[in-house]
Amino acid sequence: MISNKLKLFIVCICFSLLSGCSLVKWKIGSDEDSLKAVGFTQQDISLDEGGTLSYWRGGKGQPLLLIHGFGGNAITTWKDEMLALSADYDVIAPDLAWFGDSFSAGEANLTTGTQAIWQLVNQLQLDNINIASISYGGFVTFNMMNNSPHENRQINNAIIIASPGPYFSDDDLGALNTRFAVDNPEDFFVPKNSDELRRLFDGTFVEPKMMPDFVADQIYQTYFAAWHKQKVAMIQSLPADRNALLQAPLSSTPTLLIWGEKDRIFPIEDGIYLSKKIQAPLVIIPNTGHGVTNEQSEIVVRLIKTFIESEKI
């Protein structure tokens, strides 16, 4: 028996092939409609250095920032969590600079990306915020915890998913290159075509993604083709950012770590090391890769809520 979802998917593929329409754009529209239906709106701020930071906001309660990783945007990373968490929190999910609908005229590095998020926090006058982040978003979170330009903008709790922050070595980068048969990390994280996109997806998720050629090309053109130079620069500058972060004192922000058991990008050993280094609890989710928020959204929601509420006691 074919499920209704599968039937709809088949119809959409046929429609896309016959009409020339983009299946990816249809999915974007569907996701945005589901968020708008529960009260989310897309807004933006102008950045001091030039450019625009786009973000989605919905719900009521204590502010909760959701920061995505390298590739995609806020919705592709957090949609299911946004829908669930907005029932209890004021959810703000920005597109990082040079991703989604955001861009900056500043230098393409972690500092510029982090300052853009601080500008958002300041303009929205968010106090006592919680942050949940994944992968590259974890680097942003570590930078925010250690380099706050606003004394009155406090971070209550941080939930960091699949991100070693500053605690990765050059040997770790070399091992990543070997795992994915690339010369440099940017060759893996910044695909230049649909075939390299498949390699990135295969490294991110445990379950293989069904991706016909035309869909892979649409995903590449929609999420990865733009701001290629800036994205390469962000990856290339990360070791220097790491060195700067390592010089900062350890943050006292209560932190929870979440890791996929089968993460191939930042293996579970990185999570264990980070947990010991910053003395933070680590939750390992079985049979899960690097794309934890997509593969295990219900578990992520429960962990975020449980941790935030437990820190109120």
C-alpha atoms as a PDB file:
ATOM      1  CA  MET A   1       0.000   0.000   0.000  1.00  0.00           C
ATOM      2  CA  ILE A   2       1.481   3.355  -1.042  1.00  0.00           C
ATOM      3  CA  SER A   3       1.261   6.025   1.672  1.00  0.00           C
ATOM      4  CA  ASN A   4      -0.377   9.384   0.989  1.00  0.00           C
ATOM      5  CA  LYS A   5       2.955  11.134   1.523  1.00  0.00           C
ATOM      6  CA  LEU A   6       4.645   8.943  -1.070  1.00  0.00           C
ATOM      7  CA  LYS A   7       1.784   9.487  -3.509  1.00  0.00           C
ATOM      8  CA  LEU A   8       2.100  13.243  -3.037  1.00  0.00           C
ATOM      9  CA  PHE A   9       5.857  13.033  -3.559  1.00  0.00           C
ATOM     10  CA  ILE A  10       5.419  11.072  -6.796  1.00  0.00           C
ATOM     11  CA  VAL A  11       2.805  13.536  -8.058  1.00  0.00           C
ATOM     12  CA  CYS A  12       5.107  16.460  -7.246  1.00  0.00           C
ATOM     13  CA  ILE A  13       8.021  14.864  -9.110  1.00  0.00           C
ATOM     14  CA  CYS A  14       5.852  14.248 -12.162  1.00  0.00           C
ATOM     15  CA  PHE A  15       4.524  17.798 -12.010  1.00  0.00           C
ATOM     16  CA  SER A  16       8.042  19.151 -11.666  1.00  0.00           C
ATOM     17  CA  LEU A  17       9.325  17.164 -14.628  1.00  0.00           C
ATOM     18  CA  LEU A  18       6.384  18.090 -16.840  1.00  0.00           C
ATOM     19  CA  SER A  19       6.141  21.749 -15.918  1.00  0.00           C
ATOM     20  CA  GLY A  20       9.767  22.626 -15.315  1.00  0.00           C
ATOM     21  CA  CYS A  21       8.866  23.815 -11.811  1.00  0.00           C
ATOM     22  CA  SER A  22      11.305  23.357  -8.933  1.00  0.00           C
ATOM     23  CA  LEU A  23      10.462  20.649  -6.424  1.00  0.00           C
ATOM     24  CA  VAL A  24      12.804  22.362  -3.968  1.00  0.00           C
ATOM     25  CA  LYS A  25      10.945  25.662  -4.275  1.00  0.00           C
ATOM     26  CA  TRP A  26       7.686  23.812  -3.697  1.00  0.00           C
ATOM     27  CA  LYS A  27       9.151  22.288  -0.508  1.00  0.00           C
ATOM     28  CA  ILE A  28      10.368  25.707   0.637  1.00  0.00           C
ATOM     29  CA  GLY A  29       6.896  27.150   0.158  1.00  0.00           C
ATOM     30  CA  SER A  30       5.300  24.256   2.021  1.00  0.00           C
ATOM     31  CA  ASP A  31       7.691  24.580   4.972  1.00  0.00           C
ATOM     32  CA  GLU A  32       7.204  28.336   5.178  1.00  0.00           C
ATOM     33  CA  ASP A  33       3.419  27.923   5.083  1.00  0.00           C
ATOM     34  CA  SER A  34       3.536  25.454   7.971  1.00  0.00           C
ATOM     35  CA  LEU A  35       5.518  27.943  10.054  1.00  0.00           C
ATOM     36  CA  LYS A  36       3.265  30.861   9.185  1.00  0.00           C
ATOM     37  CA  ALA A  37       0.248  28.766  10.180  1.00  0.00           C
ATOM     38  CA  VAL A  38       1.463  28.715  13.813  1.00  0.00           C
ATOM     39  CA  GLY A  39       2.387  32.411  13.871  1.00  0.00           C
ATOM     40  CA  PHE A  40       5.949  32.599  12.562  1.00  0.00           C
ATOM     41  CA  THR A  41       6.950  35.602  10.458  1.00  0.00           C
ATOM     42  CA  GLN A  42      10.097  36.241   8.459  1.00  0.00           C
ATOM     43  CA  GLN A  43      11.808  39.539   9.244  1.00  0.00           C
ATOM     44  CA  ASP A  44      15.238  41.083   8.820  1.00  0.00           C
ATOM     45  CA  ILE A  45      17.607  43.668  10.244  1.00  0.00           C
ATOM     46  CA  SER A  46      20.201  45.829   8.518  1.00  0.00           C
ATOM     47  CA  LEU A  47      23.741  45.016   9.610  1.00  0.00           C
ATOM     48  CA  ASP A  48      26.148  47.725  10.764  1.00  0.00           C
ATOM     49  CA  GLU A  49      28.815  46.635   8.287  1.00  0.00           C
ATOM     50  CA  GLY A  50      26.313  46.500   5.420  1.00  0.00           C
ATOM     51  CA  GLY A  51      24.049  43.648   4.474  1.00  0.00           C
ATOM     52  CA  THR A  52      20.941  42.041   5.887  1.00  0.00           C
ATOM     53  CA  LEU A  53      20.302  39.356   8.474  1.00  0.00           C
ATOM     54  CA  SER A  54      17.070  37.433   7.909  1.00  0.00           C
ATOM     55  CA  TYR A  55      15.318  35.581  10.715  1.00  0.00           C
ATOM     56  CA  TRP A  56      12.087  33.755  11.540  1.00  0.00           C
ATOM     57  CA  ARG A  57      10.312  34.468  14.812  1.00  0.00           C
ATOM     58  CA  GLY A  58       7.308  32.853  16.460  1.00  0.00           C
ATOM     59  CA  GLY A  59       5.906  31.797  19.821  1.00  0.00           C
ATOM     60  CA  LYS A  60       5.893  33.354  23.266  1.00  0.00           C
ATOM     61  CA  GLY A  61       8.011  32.938  26.364  1.00  0.00           C
ATOM     62  CA  GLN A  62      11.705  33.012  27.120  1.00  0.00           C
ATOM     63  CA  PRO A  63      13.843  33.802  24.041  1.00  0.00           C
ATOM     64  CA  LEU A  64      15.363  30.765  22.327  1.00  0.00           C
ATOM     65  CA  LEU A  65      17.859  31.293  19.510  1.00  0.00           C
ATOM     66  CA  LEU A  66      18.254  28.420  17.038  1.00  0.00           C
ATOM     67  CA  ILE A  67      21.506  28.660  15.065  1.00  0.00           C
ATOM     68  CA  HIS A  68      22.008  26.426  12.038  1.00  0.00           C
ATOM     69  CA  GLY A  69      25.188  24.907  10.674  1.00  0.00           C
ATOM     70  CA  PHE A  70      27.161  25.091   7.443  1.00  0.00           C
ATOM     71  CA  GLY A  71      24.792  24.619   4.528  1.00  0.00           C
ATOM     72  CA  GLY A  72      21.081  25.137   4.248  1.00  0.00           C
ATOM     73  CA  ASN A  73      19.447  27.737   6.453  1.00  0.00           C
ATOM     74  CA  ALA A  74      17.304  28.137   9.557  1.00  0.00           C
ATOM     75  CA  ILE A  75      14.263  26.324   8.175  1.00  0.00           C
ATOM     76  CA  THR A  76      16.065  23.396   6.547  1.00  0.00           C
ATOM     77  CA  THR A  77      17.845  22.748   9.858  1.00  0.00           C
ATOM     78  CA  TRP A  78      15.218  23.589  12.460  1.00  0.00           C
ATOM     79  CA  LYS A  79      11.701  23.522  10.964  1.00  0.00           C
ATOM     80  CA  ASP A  80      10.322  20.673  13.073  1.00  0.00           C
ATOM     81  CA  GLU A  81      11.947  22.047  16.221  1.00  0.00           C
ATOM     82  CA  MET A  82      10.611  25.536  15.451  1.00  0.00           C
ATOM     83  CA  LEU A  83       7.067  24.221  15.194  1.00  0.00           C
ATOM     84  CA  ALA A  84       7.301  22.296  18.462  1.00  0.00           C
ATOM     85  CA  LEU A  85       9.321  24.736  20.579  1.00  0.00           C
ATOM     86  CA  SER A  86       7.252  27.815  19.685  1.00  0.00           C
ATOM     87  CA  ALA A  87       4.529  26.449  21.968  1.00  0.00           C
ATOM     88  CA  ASP A  88       6.749  27.244  24.973  1.00  0.00           C
ATOM     89  CA  TYR A  89       9.380  29.751  23.833  1.00  0.00           C
ATOM     90  CA  ASP A  90       9.905  32.903  21.809  1.00  0.00           C
ATOM     91  CA  VAL A  91      11.785  31.151  19.010  1.00  0.00           C
ATOM     92  CA  ILE A  92      14.162  33.208  16.848  1.00  0.00           C
ATOM     93  CA  ALA A  93      15.859  31.291  14.015  1.00  0.00           C
ATOM     94  CA  PRO A  94      18.219  33.421  11.895  1.00  0.00           C
ATOM     95  CA  ASP A  95      19.917  32.597   8.623  1.00  0.00           C
ATOM     96  CA  LEU A  96      23.627  33.029   9.285  1.00  0.00           C
ATOM     97  CA  ALA A  97      25.492  35.523   7.139  1.00  0.00           C
ATOM     98  CA  TRP A  98      26.010  34.157   3.589  1.00  0.00           C
ATOM     99  CA  PHE A  99      23.301  31.525   4.034  1.00  0.00           C
ATOM    100  CA  GLY A 100      19.621  31.588   3.183  1.00  0.00           C
ATOM    101  CA  ASP A 101      18.392  35.152   2.841  1.00  0.00           C
ATOM    102  CA  SER A 102      21.253  36.724   4.836  1.00  0.00           C
ATOM    103  CA  PHE A 103      24.482  38.345   3.684  1.00  0.00           C
ATOM    104  CA  SER A 104      27.124  40.628   5.137  1.00  0.00           C
ATOM    105  CA  ALA A 105      29.482  43.148   3.562  1.00  0.00           C
ATOM    106  CA  GLY A 106      32.029  42.301   6.244  1.00  0.00           C
ATOM    107  CA  GLU A 107      34.952  39.899   6.079  1.00  0.00           C
ATOM    108  CA  ALA A 108      33.786  36.310   5.716  1.00  0.00           C
ATOM    109  CA  ASN A 109      34.777  34.699   9.007  1.00  0.00           C
ATOM    110  CA  LEU A 110      33.427  33.546  12.353  1.00  0.00           C
ATOM    111  CA  THR A 111      33.801  36.959  13.965  1.00  0.00           C
ATOM    112  CA  THR A 112      31.617  38.701  11.390  1.00  0.00           C
ATOM    113  CA  GLY A 113      28.988  35.959  11.579  1.00  0.00           C
ATOM    114  CA  THR A 114      28.933  36.085  15.375  1.00  0.00           C
ATOM    115  CA  GLN A 115      28.703  39.868  15.495  1.00  0.00           C
ATOM    116  CA  ALA A 116      25.729  39.712  13.128  1.00  0.00           C
ATOM    117  CA  ILE A 117      23.899  37.477  15.612  1.00  0.00           C
ATOM    118  CA  TRP A 118      24.775  39.838  18.479  1.00  0.00           C
ATOM    119  CA  GLN A 119      23.363  42.711  16.421  1.00  0.00           C
ATOM    120  CA  LEU A 120      20.130  40.739  16.080  1.00  0.00           C
ATOM    121  CA  VAL A 121      20.015  40.057  19.829  1.00  0.00           C
ATOM    122  CA  ASN A 122      20.633  43.739  20.588  1.00  0.00           C
ATOM    123  CA  GLN A 123      18.124  45.113  18.090  1.00  0.00           C
ATOM    124  CA  LEU A 124      15.427  42.739  19.365  1.00  0.00           C
ATOM    125  CA  GLN A 125      16.434  43.647  22.940  1.00  0.00           C
ATOM    126  CA  LEU A 126      16.593  40.001  23.946  1.00  0.00           C
ATOM    127  CA  ASP A 127      17.564  39.328  27.558  1.00  0.00           C
ATOM    128  CA  ASN A 128      18.312  36.020  29.286  1.00  0.00           C
ATOM    129  CA  ILE A 129      18.403  34.095  26.039  1.00  0.00           C
ATOM    130  CA  ASN A 130      18.848  30.378  25.503  1.00  0.00           C
ATOM    131  CA  ILE A 131      20.763  29.138  22.475  1.00  0.00           C
ATOM    132  CA  ALA A 132      20.561  25.834  20.632  1.00  0.00           C
ATOM    133  CA  SER A 133      23.011  25.347  17.797  1.00  0.00           C
ATOM    134  CA  ILE A 134      24.426  22.665  15.550  1.00  0.00           C
ATOM    135  CA  SER A 135      27.765  22.120  13.802  1.00  0.00           C
ATOM    136  CA  TYR A 136      29.159  25.471  12.583  1.00  0.00           C
ATOM    137  CA  GLY A 137      26.444  27.125  14.654  1.00  0.00           C
ATOM    138  CA  GLY A 138      28.220  25.641  17.670  1.00  0.00           C
ATOM    139  CA  PHE A 139      31.326  27.630  16.792  1.00  0.00           C
ATOM    140  CA  VAL A 140      29.156  30.745  16.719  1.00  0.00           C
ATOM    141  CA  THR A 141      27.731  29.830  20.124  1.00  0.00           C
ATOM    142  CA  PHE A 142      31.163  29.309  21.686  1.00  0.00           C
ATOM    143  CA  ASN A 143      32.214  32.675  20.284  1.00  0.00           C
ATOM    144  CA  MET A 144      29.101  34.324  21.729  1.00  0.00           C
ATOM    145  CA  MET A 145      29.652  32.779  25.156  1.00  0.00           C
ATOM    146  CA  ASN A 146      33.240  34.011  25.278  1.00  0.00           C
ATOM    147  CA  ASN A 147      32.934  37.350  23.501  1.00  0.00           C
ATOM    148  CA  SER A 148      29.773  39.194  24.495  1.00  0.00           C
ATOM    149  CA  PRO A 149      29.793  42.890  23.489  1.00  0.00           C
ATOM    150  CA  HIS A 150      26.668  43.560  25.585  1.00  0.00           C
ATOM    151  CA  GLU A 151      26.896  43.213  29.366  1.00  0.00           C
ATOM    152  CA  ASN A 152      23.100  43.268  29.704  1.00  0.00           C
ATOM    153  CA  ARG A 153      22.499  40.544  27.093  1.00  0.00           C
ATOM    154  CA  GLN A 154      23.044  37.352  29.019  1.00  0.00           C
ATOM    155  CA  ILE A 155      23.039  33.759  27.735  1.00  0.00           C
ATOM    156  CA  ASN A 156      21.154  31.555  30.174  1.00  0.00           C
ATOM    157  CA  ASN A 157      21.820  28.143  28.648  1.00  0.00           C
ATOM    158  CA  ALA A 158      23.552  26.697  25.604  1.00  0.00           C
ATOM    159  CA  ILE A 159      22.625  23.455  23.855  1.00  0.00           C
ATOM    160  CA  ILE A 160      25.413  22.579  21.427  1.00  0.00           C
ATOM    161  CA  ILE A 161      24.824  19.799  18.913  1.00  0.00           C
ATOM    162  CA  ALA A 162      27.589  18.004  16.988  1.00  0.00           C
ATOM    163  CA  SER A 163      30.154  20.793  17.236  1.00  0.00           C
ATOM    164  CA  PRO A 164      33.592  20.554  18.864  1.00  0.00           C
ATOM    165  CA  GLY A 165      33.837  24.351  19.027  1.00  0.00           C
ATOM    166  CA  PRO A 166      37.468  25.415  19.378  1.00  0.00           C
ATOM    167  CA  TYR A 167      38.589  21.961  20.475  1.00  0.00           C
ATOM    168  CA  PHE A 168      39.672  20.460  17.175  1.00  0.00           C
ATOM    169  CA  SER A 169      43.213  19.985  15.940  1.00  0.00           C
ATOM    170  CA  ASP A 170      44.931  20.133  12.589  1.00  0.00           C
ATOM    171  CA  ASP A 171      45.188  16.346  12.831  1.00  0.00           C
ATOM    172  CA  ASP A 172      41.401  16.195  13.180  1.00  0.00           C
ATOM    173  CA  LEU A 173      41.053  18.199   9.969  1.00  0.00           C
ATOM    174  CA  GLY A 174      43.491  15.863   8.233  1.00  0.00           C
ATOM    175  CA  ALA A 175      41.478  12.848   9.354  1.00  0.00           C
ATOM    176  CA  LEU A 176      38.296  14.500   8.011  1.00  0.00           C
ATOM    177  CA  ASN A 177      39.990  15.009   4.647  1.00  0.00           C
ATOM    178  CA  THR A 178      40.948  11.331   4.584  1.00  0.00           C
ATOM    179  CA  ARG A 179      37.441  10.124   5.490  1.00  0.00           C
ATOM    180  CA  PHE A 180      35.852  12.019   2.629  1.00  0.00           C
ATOM    181  CA  ALA A 181      38.730  11.771   0.124  1.00  0.00           C
ATOM    182  CA  VAL A 182      39.246  15.530  -0.255  1.00  0.00           C
ATOM    183  CA  ASP A 183      42.358  17.688  -0.230  1.00  0.00           C
ATOM    184  CA  ASN A 184      40.979  20.382   2.084  1.00  0.00           C
ATOM    185  CA  PRO A 185      37.984  20.754   4.448  1.00  0.00           C
ATOM    186  CA  GLU A 186      36.387  23.392   2.219  1.00  0.00           C
ATOM    187  CA  ASP A 187      36.270  20.837  -0.614  1.00  0.00           C
ATOM    188  CA  PHE A 188      33.854  18.816   1.533  1.00  0.00           C
ATOM    189  CA  PHE A 189      31.833  21.582   3.214  1.00  0.00           C
ATOM    190  CA  VAL A 190      31.438  23.823   0.148  1.00  0.00           C
ATOM    191  CA  PRO A 191      30.336  21.629  -2.773  1.00  0.00           C
ATOM    192  CA  LYS A 192      30.835  22.976  -6.276  1.00  0.00           C
ATOM    193  CA  ASN A 193      28.274  20.767  -8.019  1.00  0.00           C
ATOM    194  CA  SER A 194      25.506  18.255  -7.370  1.00  0.00           C
ATOM    195  CA  ASP A 195      27.899  15.272  -7.146  1.00  0.00           C
ATOM    196  CA  GLU A 196      29.873  16.963  -4.374  1.00  0.00           C
ATOM    197  CA  LEU A 197      26.555  17.835  -2.734  1.00  0.00           C
ATOM    198  CA  ARG A 198      25.726  14.119  -2.573  1.00  0.00           C
ATOM    199  CA  ARG A 199      29.078  13.475  -0.878  1.00  0.00           C
ATOM    200  CA  LEU A 200      28.228  16.104   1.744  1.00  0.00           C
ATOM    201  CA  PHE A 201      24.786  14.602   2.339  1.00  0.00           C
ATOM    202  CA  ASP A 202      26.190  11.067   2.555  1.00  0.00           C
ATOM    203  CA  GLY A 203      28.617  12.271   5.219  1.00  0.00           C
ATOM    204  CA  THR A 204      25.926  14.127   7.160  1.00  0.00           C
ATOM    205  CA  PHE A 205      23.109  11.577   7.459  1.00  0.00           C
ATOM    206  CA  VAL A 206      22.952   7.915   8.453  1.00  0.00           C
ATOM    207  CA  GLU A 207      20.093   7.096   6.112  1.00  0.00           C
ATOM    208  CA  PRO A 208      20.827   7.681   2.397  1.00  0.00           C
ATOM    209  CA  LYS A 209      18.751  10.484   0.886  1.00  0.00           C
ATOM    210  CA  MET A 210      16.699   9.699  -2.218  1.00  0.00           C
ATOM    211  CA  MET A 211      17.967  12.357  -4.587  1.00  0.00           C
ATOM    212  CA  PRO A 212      17.376  12.183  -8.354  1.00  0.00           C
ATOM    213  CA  ASP A 213      19.806  14.210 -10.443  1.00  0.00           C
ATOM    214  CA  PHE A 214      17.380  17.064 -11.035  1.00  0.00           C
ATOM    215  CA  VAL A 215      16.620  17.336  -7.293  1.00  0.00           C
ATOM    216  CA  ALA A 216      20.323  17.306  -6.373  1.00  0.00           C
ATOM    217  CA  ASP A 217      20.943  20.099  -8.861  1.00  0.00           C
ATOM    218  CA  GLN A 218      18.001  22.129  -7.505  1.00  0.00           C
ATOM    219  CA  ILE A 219      19.279  21.743  -3.934  1.00  0.00           C
ATOM    220  CA  TYR A 220      22.774  22.762  -4.986  1.00  0.00           C
ATOM    221  CA  GLN A 221      21.571  25.830  -6.888  1.00  0.00           C
ATOM    222  CA  THR A 222      19.207  26.873  -4.092  1.00  0.00           C
ATOM    223  CA  TYR A 223      21.403  26.420  -1.030  1.00  0.00           C
ATOM    224  CA  PHE A 224      25.048  26.148  -2.058  1.00  0.00           C
ATOM    225  CA  ALA A 225      25.792  28.009  -5.289  1.00  0.00           C
ATOM    226  CA  ALA A 226      25.500  31.523  -3.823  1.00  0.00           C
ATOM    227  CA  TRP A 227      28.286  33.181  -1.793  1.00  0.00           C
ATOM    228  CA  HIS A 228      30.722  30.403  -2.709  1.00  0.00           C
ATOM    229  CA  LYS A 229      33.825  32.565  -2.185  1.00  0.00           C
ATOM    230  CA  GLN A 230      32.649  33.706   1.245  1.00  0.00           C
ATOM    231  CA  LYS A 231      31.818  30.172   2.379  1.00  0.00           C
ATOM    232  CA  VAL A 232      35.265  28.930   1.366  1.00  0.00           C
ATOM    233  CA  ALA A 233      36.850  31.813   3.285  1.00  0.00           C
ATOM    234  CA  MET A 234      34.786  30.934   6.381  1.00  0.00           C
ATOM    235  CA  ILE A 235      36.127  27.375   6.412  1.00  0.00           C
ATOM    236  CA  GLN A 236      39.696  28.415   5.627  1.00  0.00           C
ATOM    237  CA  SER A 237      39.733  30.980   8.446  1.00  0.00           C
ATOM    238  CA  LEU A 238      38.315  28.604  11.064  1.00  0.00           C
ATOM    239  CA  PRO A 239      41.731  27.397  12.395  1.00  0.00           C
ATOM    240  CA  ALA A 240      42.663  31.015  13.139  1.00  0.00           C
ATOM    241  CA  ASP A 241      39.287  31.531  14.815  1.00  0.00           C
ATOM    242  CA  ARG A 242      39.915  28.370  16.829  1.00  0.00           C
ATOM    243  CA  ASN A 243      43.238  29.694  18.065  1.00  0.00           C
ATOM    244  CA  ALA A 244      41.616  32.941  19.194  1.00  0.00           C
ATOM    245  CA  LEU A 245      38.814  31.087  20.994  1.00  0.00           C
ATOM    246  CA  LEU A 246      41.277  28.844  22.817  1.00  0.00           C
ATOM    247  CA  GLN A 247      42.840  31.910  24.413  1.00  0.00           C
ATOM    248  CA  ALA A 248      39.518  32.935  25.982  1.00  0.00           C
ATOM    249  CA  PRO A 249      38.590  31.698  29.479  1.00  0.00           C
ATOM    250  CA  LEU A 250      36.081  28.890  29.775  1.00  0.00           C
ATOM    251  CA  SER A 251      32.528  30.175  29.889  1.00  0.00           C
ATOM    252  CA  SER A 252      30.390  29.480  32.960  1.00  0.00           C
ATOM    253  CA  THR A 253      27.223  29.220  30.836  1.00  0.00           C
ATOM    254  CA  PRO A 254      25.350  25.973  31.628  1.00  0.00           C
ATOM    255  CA  THR A 255      25.829  23.807  28.535  1.00  0.00           C
ATOM    256  CA  LEU A 256      24.404  20.545  27.217  1.00  0.00           C
ATOM    257  CA  LEU A 257      26.089  18.597  24.412  1.00  0.00           C
ATOM    258  CA  ILE A 258      24.153  16.390  21.984  1.00  0.00           C
ATOM    259  CA  TRP A 259      25.894  14.059  19.539  1.00  0.00           C
ATOM    260  CA  GLY A 260      24.976  11.474  16.956  1.00  0.00           C
ATOM    261  CA  GLU A 261      26.530   8.080  17.665  1.00  0.00           C
ATOM    262  CA  LYS A 262      27.487   7.666  13.996  1.00  0.00           C
ATOM    263  CA  ASP A 263      28.637  11.211  13.275  1.00  0.00           C
ATOM    264  CA  ARG A 264      31.309  10.978  10.571  1.00  0.00           C
ATOM    265  CA  ILE A 265      32.070  14.694  10.348  1.00  0.00           C
ATOM    266  CA  PHE A 266      32.883  15.228  14.029  1.00  0.00           C
ATOM    267  CA  PRO A 267      33.097  11.684  15.447  1.00  0.00           C
ATOM    268  CA  ILE A 268      31.726  10.890  18.889  1.00  0.00           C
ATOM    269  CA  GLU A 269      35.266  10.986  20.299  1.00  0.00           C
ATOM    270  CA  ASP A 270      35.190  14.745  19.685  1.00  0.00           C
ATOM    271  CA  GLY A 271      32.026  14.998  21.769  1.00  0.00           C
ATOM    272  CA  ILE A 272      33.516  12.984  24.622  1.00  0.00           C
ATOM    273  CA  TYR A 273      36.655  15.133  24.624  1.00  0.00           C
ATOM    274  CA  LEU A 274      34.609  18.351  24.563  1.00  0.00           C
ATOM    275  CA  SER A 275      32.378  17.109  27.381  1.00  0.00           C
ATOM    276  CA  LYS A 276      35.392  16.532  29.619  1.00  0.00           C
ATOM    277  CA  LYS A 277      37.064  19.772  28.574  1.00  0.00           C
ATOM    278  CA  ILE A 278      34.149  22.077  29.421  1.00  0.00           C
ATOM    279  CA  GLN A 279      32.622  19.756  32.058  1.00  0.00           C
ATOM    280  CA  ALA A 280      29.268  19.576  30.302  1.00  0.00           C
ATOM    281  CA  PRO A 281      26.878  16.605  30.113  1.00  0.00           C
ATOM    282  CA  LEU A 282      26.846  14.724  26.817  1.00  0.00           C
ATOM    283  CA  VAL A 283      23.827  12.940  25.349  1.00  0.00           C
ATOM    284  CA  ILE A 284      24.635  10.426  22.605  1.00  0.00           C
ATOM    285  CA  ILE A 285      21.760   9.542  20.277  1.00  0.00           C
ATOM    286  CA  PRO A 286      22.062   6.022  18.797  1.00  0.00           C
ATOM    287  CA  ASN A 287      22.045   5.353  15.044  1.00  0.00           C
ATOM    288  CA  THR A 288      22.272   9.068  14.246  1.00  0.00           C
ATOM    289  CA  GLY A 289      24.748  10.971  12.109  1.00  0.00           C
ATOM    290  CA  HIS A 290      25.844  14.591  12.050  1.00  0.00           C
ATOM    291  CA  GLY A 291      22.451  15.917  10.957  1.00  0.00           C
ATOM    292  CA  VAL A 292      20.913  15.402  14.387  1.00  0.00           C
ATOM    293  CA  THR A 293      18.198  18.076  14.109  1.00  0.00           C
ATOM    294  CA  ASN A 294      16.855  16.543  10.902  1.00  0.00           C
ATOM    295  CA  GLU A 295      17.196  12.903  11.897  1.00  0.00           C
ATOM    296  CA  GLN A 296      16.001  13.146  15.517  1.00  0.00           C
ATOM    297  CA  SER A 297      13.883  16.280  15.832  1.00  0.00           C
ATOM    298  CA  GLU A 298      11.522  14.901  18.514  1.00  0.00           C
ATOM    299  CA  ILE A 299      14.417  13.850  20.740  1.00  0.00           C
ATOM    300  CA  VAL A 300      16.146  17.205  20.207  1.00  0.00           C
ATOM    301  CA  VAL A 301      12.975  19.064  21.248  1.00  0.00           C
ATOM    302  CA  ARG A 302      12.669  17.003  24.440  1.00  0.00           C
ATOM    303  CA  LEU A 303      16.325  17.494  25.323  1.00  0.00           C
ATOM    304  CA  ILE A 304      16.209  21.257  24.747  1.00  0.00           C
ATOM    305  CA  LYS A 305      13.074  21.712  26.856  1.00  0.00           C
ATOM    306  CA  THR A 306      14.274  19.413  29.639  1.00  0.00           C
ATOM    307  CA  PHE A 307      17.650  21.139  29.912  1.00  0.00           C
ATOM    308  CA  ILE A 308      16.262  24.683  29.884  1.00  0.00           C
ATOM    309  CA  GLU A 309      13.589  23.857  32.450  1.00  0.00           C
ATOM    310  CA  SER A 310      16.019  21.973  34.701  1.00  0.00           C
ATOM    311  CA  GLU A 311      18.320  25.006  34.846  1.00  0.00           C
ATOM    312  CA  LYS A 312      15.454  27.138  36.174  1.00  0.00           C
ATOM    313  CA  ILE A 313      15.306  25.076  39.358  1.00  0.00           C
END
